Amino acid sequence: MLRSCVAKRATTTTFVVEPTNYGWSVGCGATRVGLFMTQRQALDAVKKCRAELTAKGQRSTVVVRASDPRSSANRSPRSYSFRR
């Protein structure tokens, strides 16, 4: 019996965090995951989603399209673009 071994390329889920007129939007592909009042809330939601994906052995990335000047007024700048 012959078997062909086909390596499957792991897909990476990309979450996009960006400001809108109504708050901070979190999207995954063409799907909106949620709309949040602050960037911190949006990033916390993404963190939870990424933890679930990691538990399943899946990869994910985060792209933040802007920064919230109110949340970083008294703190040093942080980068939220990271891979897992």
Protein backbone atom coordinates (compact mmCIF):
# COMPACT_ATOMS: atom_id res chain seq x y z
CA MET A 1 0.00 0.00 0.00
CA LEU A 2 1.43 3.37 -1.01
CA ARG A 3 0.73 6.52 0.93
CA SER A 4 1.49 9.99 -0.21
CA CYS A 5 2.59 12.35 2.46
CA VAL A 6 1.30 15.82 1.82
CA ALA A 7 2.53 18.49 4.17
CA LYS A 8 -0.19 20.93 5.04
CA ARG A 9 0.90 24.51 5.36
CA ALA A 10 -0.20 25.95 8.66
CA THR A 11 -2.58 28.84 8.18
CA THR A 12 -2.07 31.99 10.17
CA THR A 13 -5.08 33.91 11.45
CA THR A 14 -4.59 37.68 11.27
CA PHE A 15 -6.49 39.95 13.61
CA VAL A 16 -6.75 43.63 12.62
CA VAL A 17 -7.38 46.29 15.26
CA GLU A 18 -8.33 49.71 13.90
CA PRO A 19 -10.22 52.81 14.97
CA THR A 20 -13.68 53.61 13.60
CA ASN A 21 -16.12 56.46 14.18
CA TYR A 22 -17.73 54.36 16.92
CA GLY A 23 -14.72 52.88 18.75
CA TRP A 24 -12.12 50.23 18.02
CA SER A 25 -12.94 47.47 15.56
CA VAL A 26 -11.42 43.99 15.70
CA GLY A 27 -11.59 42.04 12.49
CA CYS A 28 -10.44 38.64 11.33
CA GLY A 29 -10.42 38.47 7.56
CA ALA A 30 -13.73 39.82 6.29
CA THR A 31 -15.44 39.10 9.63
CA ARG A 32 -15.79 41.70 12.36
CA VAL A 33 -15.03 40.08 15.70
CA GLY A 34 -16.17 43.02 17.80
CA LEU A 35 -16.42 46.76 18.37
CA PHE A 36 -14.93 48.16 21.58
CA MET A 37 -14.87 51.55 23.28
CA THR A 38 -11.09 51.56 23.89
CA GLN A 39 -8.05 50.14 22.17
CA ARG A 40 -7.12 48.31 25.38
CA GLN A 41 -10.48 46.47 25.38
CA ALA A 42 -9.97 45.50 21.74
CA LEU A 43 -6.46 44.19 22.39
CA ASP A 44 -7.66 42.23 25.42
CA ALA A 45 -10.34 40.55 23.28
CA VAL A 46 -7.73 39.67 20.66
CA LYS A 47 -5.49 38.26 23.38
CA LYS A 48 -8.28 35.88 24.46
CA CYS A 49 -8.97 34.78 20.87
CA ARG A 50 -5.27 34.18 20.28
CA ALA A 51 -5.01 32.09 23.44
CA GLU A 52 -7.82 29.85 22.18
CA LEU A 53 -6.11 29.45 18.80
CA THR A 54 -2.77 28.70 20.45
CA ALA A 55 -4.42 26.03 22.59
CA LYS A 56 -5.61 24.40 19.35
CA GLY A 57 -2.10 24.60 17.87
CA GLN A 58 -2.95 27.35 15.39
CA ARG A 59 -0.87 30.43 14.59
CA SER A 60 -2.04 34.04 14.70
CA THR A 61 -0.80 37.59 14.25
CA VAL A 62 -2.10 41.01 15.23
CA VAL A 63 -1.98 44.18 13.14
CA VAL A 64 -2.80 47.47 14.87
CA ARG A 65 -3.55 50.21 12.35
CA ALA A 66 -3.38 53.20 14.74
CA SER A 67 -2.61 54.05 18.32
CA ASP A 68 -4.82 55.52 20.99
CA PRO A 69 -3.16 58.71 22.25
CA ARG A 70 -5.32 58.70 25.40
CA SER A 71 -4.10 55.29 26.53
CA SER A 72 -0.42 56.10 26.04
CA ALA A 73 -0.36 59.62 27.49
CA ASN A 74 1.68 58.69 30.58
CA ARG A 75 3.32 55.50 29.39
CA SER A 76 6.16 54.56 27.11
CA PRO A 77 5.13 53.46 23.60
CA ARG A 78 4.44 49.75 23.14
CA SER A 79 4.26 47.69 19.99
CA TYR A 80 1.32 45.30 19.70
CA SER A 81 2.34 43.63 16.46
CA PHE A 82 3.56 40.17 17.35
CA ARG A 83 3.55 36.64 15.99
CA ARG A 84 2.93 33.34 17.60
